[in-house]
Amino acid sequence: MKRPKFFPMDLVRVRTPGRDEKLGSHPPGTLIMGRTATVEIAGLINGAASAEGDSMTPAYYIRIDNLPPILIFEEWLEAA
């Protein structure tokens, strides 16, 4: 089972996709891409099963300025 890479109170940055990168099924909104956020909750959610049969994937609730908490997948975050 995967473990979350970031923990509560960590500073993260919502990454901006590359020019030819496919966004996948749940990309973050363009208004938060490139912005710095604080992780509020880190955990695992039930997602699509991988080749290994594991269906749990790391996800986070992050806080950016005065916006409500945003649920985002780990693939869209990088260390700030």
N, C-alpha and C. Protein backbone atom coordinates (compact mmCIF):
# COMPACT_ATOMS: atom_id res chain seq x y z
N MET A 1 0.84 -1.18 0.00
CA MET A 1 0.00 0.00 0.00
C MET A 1 0.89 1.24 0.00
N LYS A 2 0.50 2.22 -0.78
CA LYS A 2 1.26 3.48 -0.84
C LYS A 2 1.06 4.28 0.44
N ARG A 3 2.02 5.12 0.74
CA ARG A 3 1.93 6.02 1.89
C ARG A 3 1.99 7.45 1.39
N PRO A 4 1.29 8.36 2.07
CA PRO A 4 1.35 9.76 1.66
C PRO A 4 2.78 10.31 1.74
N LYS A 5 3.15 11.11 0.77
CA LYS A 5 4.49 11.71 0.69
C LYS A 5 4.58 12.97 1.55
N PHE A 6 3.47 13.68 1.72
CA PHE A 6 3.43 14.92 2.48
C PHE A 6 2.59 14.72 3.74
N PHE A 7 2.80 15.59 4.72
CA PHE A 7 2.10 15.47 6.00
C PHE A 7 1.44 16.80 6.35
N PRO A 8 0.48 16.80 7.28
CA PRO A 8 -0.17 18.06 7.68
C PRO A 8 0.87 19.11 8.08
N MET A 9 0.60 20.34 7.68
CA MET A 9 1.43 21.52 7.91
C MET A 9 2.61 21.63 6.95
N ASP A 10 2.80 20.68 6.03
CA ASP A 10 3.84 20.80 5.01
C ASP A 10 3.43 21.85 3.99
N LEU A 11 4.41 22.61 3.50
CA LEU A 11 4.16 23.54 2.41
C LEU A 11 4.38 22.80 1.10
N VAL A 12 3.41 22.91 0.20
CA VAL A 12 3.49 22.25 -1.09
C VAL A 12 3.15 23.26 -2.18
N ARG A 13 3.46 22.90 -3.38
CA ARG A 13 3.13 23.73 -4.54
C ARG A 13 2.31 22.87 -5.49
N VAL A 14 1.21 23.42 -5.99
CA VAL A 14 0.41 22.73 -6.99
C VAL A 14 1.13 22.91 -8.31
N ARG A 15 1.57 21.82 -8.89
CA ARG A 15 2.39 21.94 -10.08
C ARG A 15 1.56 22.27 -11.32
N THR A 16 2.22 22.86 -12.27
CA THR A 16 1.62 23.21 -13.55
C THR A 16 2.00 22.11 -14.54
N PRO A 17 1.05 21.58 -15.29
CA PRO A 17 1.37 20.49 -16.21
C PRO A 17 2.28 20.94 -17.35
N GLY A 18 3.06 20.01 -17.85
CA GLY A 18 3.91 20.28 -19.00
C GLY A 18 3.07 20.53 -20.25
N ARG A 19 3.71 21.06 -21.24
CA ARG A 19 3.00 21.44 -22.47
C ARG A 19 2.24 20.29 -23.12
N ASP A 20 2.83 19.11 -23.20
CA ASP A 20 2.19 17.96 -23.85
C ASP A 20 1.69 16.93 -22.85
N GLU A 21 1.62 17.29 -21.59
CA GLU A 21 1.20 16.35 -20.55
C GLU A 21 -0.32 16.16 -20.57
N LYS A 22 -0.74 14.89 -20.46
CA LYS A 22 -2.16 14.59 -20.35
C LYS A 22 -2.59 14.86 -18.92
N LEU A 23 -3.70 15.54 -18.75
CA LEU A 23 -4.13 15.97 -17.42
C LEU A 23 -4.74 14.86 -16.59
N GLY A 24 -5.20 13.79 -17.17
CA GLY A 24 -5.82 12.71 -16.39
C GLY A 24 -7.27 13.04 -16.11
N SER A 25 -7.87 12.26 -15.23
CA SER A 25 -9.31 12.40 -15.00
C SER A 25 -9.68 13.44 -13.95
N HIS A 26 -8.76 13.81 -13.05
CA HIS A 26 -9.07 14.77 -11.99
C HIS A 26 -7.99 15.84 -11.84
N PRO A 27 -7.80 16.69 -12.87
CA PRO A 27 -6.78 17.73 -12.72
C PRO A 27 -7.27 18.83 -11.78
N PRO A 28 -6.35 19.53 -11.13
CA PRO A 28 -6.76 20.67 -10.30
C PRO A 28 -7.20 21.82 -11.20
N GLY A 29 -7.91 22.75 -10.64
CA GLY A 29 -8.34 23.92 -11.40
C GLY A 29 -7.17 24.78 -11.82
N THR A 30 -7.28 25.42 -12.94
CA THR A 30 -6.18 26.24 -13.44
C THR A 30 -5.89 27.44 -12.54
N LEU A 31 -6.85 27.86 -11.74
CA LEU A 31 -6.62 29.00 -10.85
C LEU A 31 -5.69 28.67 -9.69
N ILE A 32 -5.52 27.38 -9.36
CA ILE A 32 -4.63 27.03 -8.25
C ILE A 32 -3.30 26.47 -8.72
N MET A 33 -3.16 26.19 -10.01
CA MET A 33 -1.90 25.66 -10.53
C MET A 33 -0.78 26.68 -10.33
N GLY A 34 0.35 26.22 -9.81
CA GLY A 34 1.49 27.08 -9.58
C GLY A 34 1.46 27.80 -8.24
N ARG A 35 0.41 27.60 -7.46
CA ARG A 35 0.29 28.31 -6.18
C ARG A 35 0.80 27.44 -5.03
N THR A 36 1.23 28.09 -3.97
CA THR A 36 1.72 27.41 -2.78
C THR A 36 0.56 27.20 -1.82
N ALA A 37 0.56 26.04 -1.15
CA ALA A 37 -0.53 25.69 -0.24
C ALA A 37 0.03 25.00 0.99
N THR A 38 -0.81 24.85 2.00
CA THR A 38 -0.48 24.11 3.21
C THR A 38 -1.33 22.84 3.25
N VAL A 39 -0.69 21.70 3.53
CA VAL A 39 -1.44 20.46 3.66
C VAL A 39 -2.20 20.49 4.98
N GLU A 40 -3.50 20.26 4.91
CA GLU A 40 -4.31 20.19 6.13
C GLU A 40 -4.52 18.74 6.56
N ILE A 41 -4.87 17.89 5.60
CA ILE A 41 -5.11 16.47 5.90
C ILE A 41 -4.44 15.64 4.83
N ALA A 42 -3.71 14.60 5.24
CA ALA A 42 -3.08 13.67 4.32
C ALA A 42 -3.67 12.29 4.56
N GLY A 43 -3.93 11.57 3.50
CA GLY A 43 -4.49 10.23 3.69
C GLY A 43 -4.56 9.45 2.39
N LEU A 44 -5.27 8.35 2.44
CA LEU A 44 -5.45 7.50 1.28
C LEU A 44 -6.93 7.44 0.94
N ILE A 45 -7.22 7.47 -0.36
CA ILE A 45 -8.61 7.32 -0.79
C ILE A 45 -8.69 6.15 -1.76
N ASN A 46 -9.87 5.60 -1.88
CA ASN A 46 -10.08 4.48 -2.77
C ASN A 46 -10.20 5.00 -4.20
N GLY A 47 -9.26 4.61 -5.03
CA GLY A 47 -9.24 5.05 -6.42
C GLY A 47 -9.27 3.85 -7.35
N ALA A 48 -8.85 4.02 -8.56
CA ALA A 48 -8.80 2.93 -9.52
C ALA A 48 -7.69 1.95 -9.14
N ALA A 49 -7.92 0.68 -9.34
CA ALA A 49 -6.94 -0.35 -9.01
C ALA A 49 -5.74 -0.25 -9.96
N SER A 50 -4.55 -0.41 -9.41
CA SER A 50 -3.33 -0.40 -10.22
C SER A 50 -3.02 -1.82 -10.68
N ALA A 51 -1.93 -1.96 -11.42
CA ALA A 51 -1.53 -3.27 -11.92
C ALA A 51 -1.24 -4.24 -10.77
N GLU A 52 -0.81 -3.70 -9.61
CA GLU A 52 -0.51 -4.55 -8.45
C GLU A 52 -1.77 -4.91 -7.67
N GLY A 53 -2.91 -4.37 -8.07
CA GLY A 53 -4.16 -4.67 -7.39
C GLY A 53 -4.49 -3.72 -6.25
N ASP A 54 -3.63 -2.72 -6.00
CA ASP A 54 -3.85 -1.77 -4.92
C ASP A 54 -4.78 -0.67 -5.42
N SER A 55 -5.87 -0.42 -4.70
CA SER A 55 -6.82 0.60 -5.14
C SER A 55 -6.74 1.87 -4.29
N MET A 56 -5.84 1.92 -3.32
CA MET A 56 -5.71 3.10 -2.46
C MET A 56 -4.65 4.03 -3.04
N THR A 57 -4.96 5.32 -3.10
CA THR A 57 -4.04 6.30 -3.64
C THR A 57 -3.93 7.50 -2.69
N PRO A 58 -2.74 8.07 -2.51
CA PRO A 58 -2.58 9.22 -1.62
C PRO A 58 -3.33 10.45 -2.15
N ALA A 59 -4.00 11.13 -1.25
CA ALA A 59 -4.72 12.37 -1.58
C ALA A 59 -4.65 13.30 -0.38
N TYR A 60 -4.88 14.57 -0.62
CA TYR A 60 -4.70 15.58 0.41
C TYR A 60 -5.79 16.64 0.35
N TYR A 61 -6.09 17.21 1.49
CA TYR A 61 -6.85 18.45 1.54
C TYR A 61 -5.81 19.53 1.77
N ILE A 62 -5.78 20.49 0.87
CA ILE A 62 -4.82 21.59 0.98
C ILE A 62 -5.57 22.90 1.17
N ARG A 63 -4.87 23.89 1.73
CA ARG A 63 -5.46 25.22 1.95
C ARG A 63 -4.62 26.25 1.22
N ILE A 64 -5.27 27.05 0.39
CA ILE A 64 -4.63 28.15 -0.33
C ILE A 64 -5.35 29.43 0.06
N ASP A 65 -4.64 30.32 0.70
CA ASP A 65 -5.19 31.61 1.12
C ASP A 65 -6.53 31.44 1.82
N ASN A 66 -7.56 32.14 1.36
CA ASN A 66 -8.88 32.08 2.00
C ASN A 66 -9.85 31.14 1.30
N LEU A 67 -9.35 30.30 0.39
CA LEU A 67 -10.22 29.34 -0.30
C LEU A 67 -10.59 28.21 0.64
N PRO A 68 -11.72 27.56 0.41
CA PRO A 68 -12.06 26.39 1.22
C PRO A 68 -11.05 25.27 0.94
N PRO A 69 -10.97 24.25 1.81
CA PRO A 69 -10.04 23.14 1.56
C PRO A 69 -10.28 22.50 0.20
N ILE A 70 -9.20 22.13 -0.46
CA ILE A 70 -9.26 21.56 -1.80
C ILE A 70 -8.71 20.14 -1.75
N LEU A 71 -9.48 19.18 -2.26
CA LEU A 71 -9.03 17.80 -2.34
C LEU A 71 -8.21 17.64 -3.62
N ILE A 72 -6.99 17.10 -3.48
CA ILE A 72 -6.09 17.00 -4.63
C ILE A 72 -5.27 15.71 -4.51
N PHE A 73 -4.97 15.10 -5.65
CA PHE A 73 -4.16 13.90 -5.68
C PHE A 73 -2.68 14.24 -5.58
N GLU A 74 -1.89 13.31 -5.06
CA GLU A 74 -0.46 13.53 -4.82
C GLU A 74 0.31 13.86 -6.10
N GLU A 75 -0.11 13.32 -7.22
CA GLU A 75 0.60 13.56 -8.48
C GLU A 75 0.64 15.03 -8.89
N TRP A 76 -0.23 15.85 -8.30
CA TRP A 76 -0.29 17.27 -8.63
C TRP A 76 0.47 18.14 -7.63
N LEU A 77 1.13 17.54 -6.65
CA LEU A 77 1.83 18.31 -5.63
C LEU A 77 3.34 18.08 -5.71
N GLU A 78 4.07 19.12 -5.33
CA GLU A 78 5.52 19.02 -5.19
C GLU A 78 5.93 19.83 -3.98
N ALA A 79 7.08 19.54 -3.43
CA ALA A 79 7.55 20.27 -2.23
C ALA A 79 7.76 21.74 -2.60
N ALA A 80 7.39 22.60 -1.67
CA ALA A 80 7.53 24.05 -1.92
C ALA A 80 8.91 24.53 -1.51
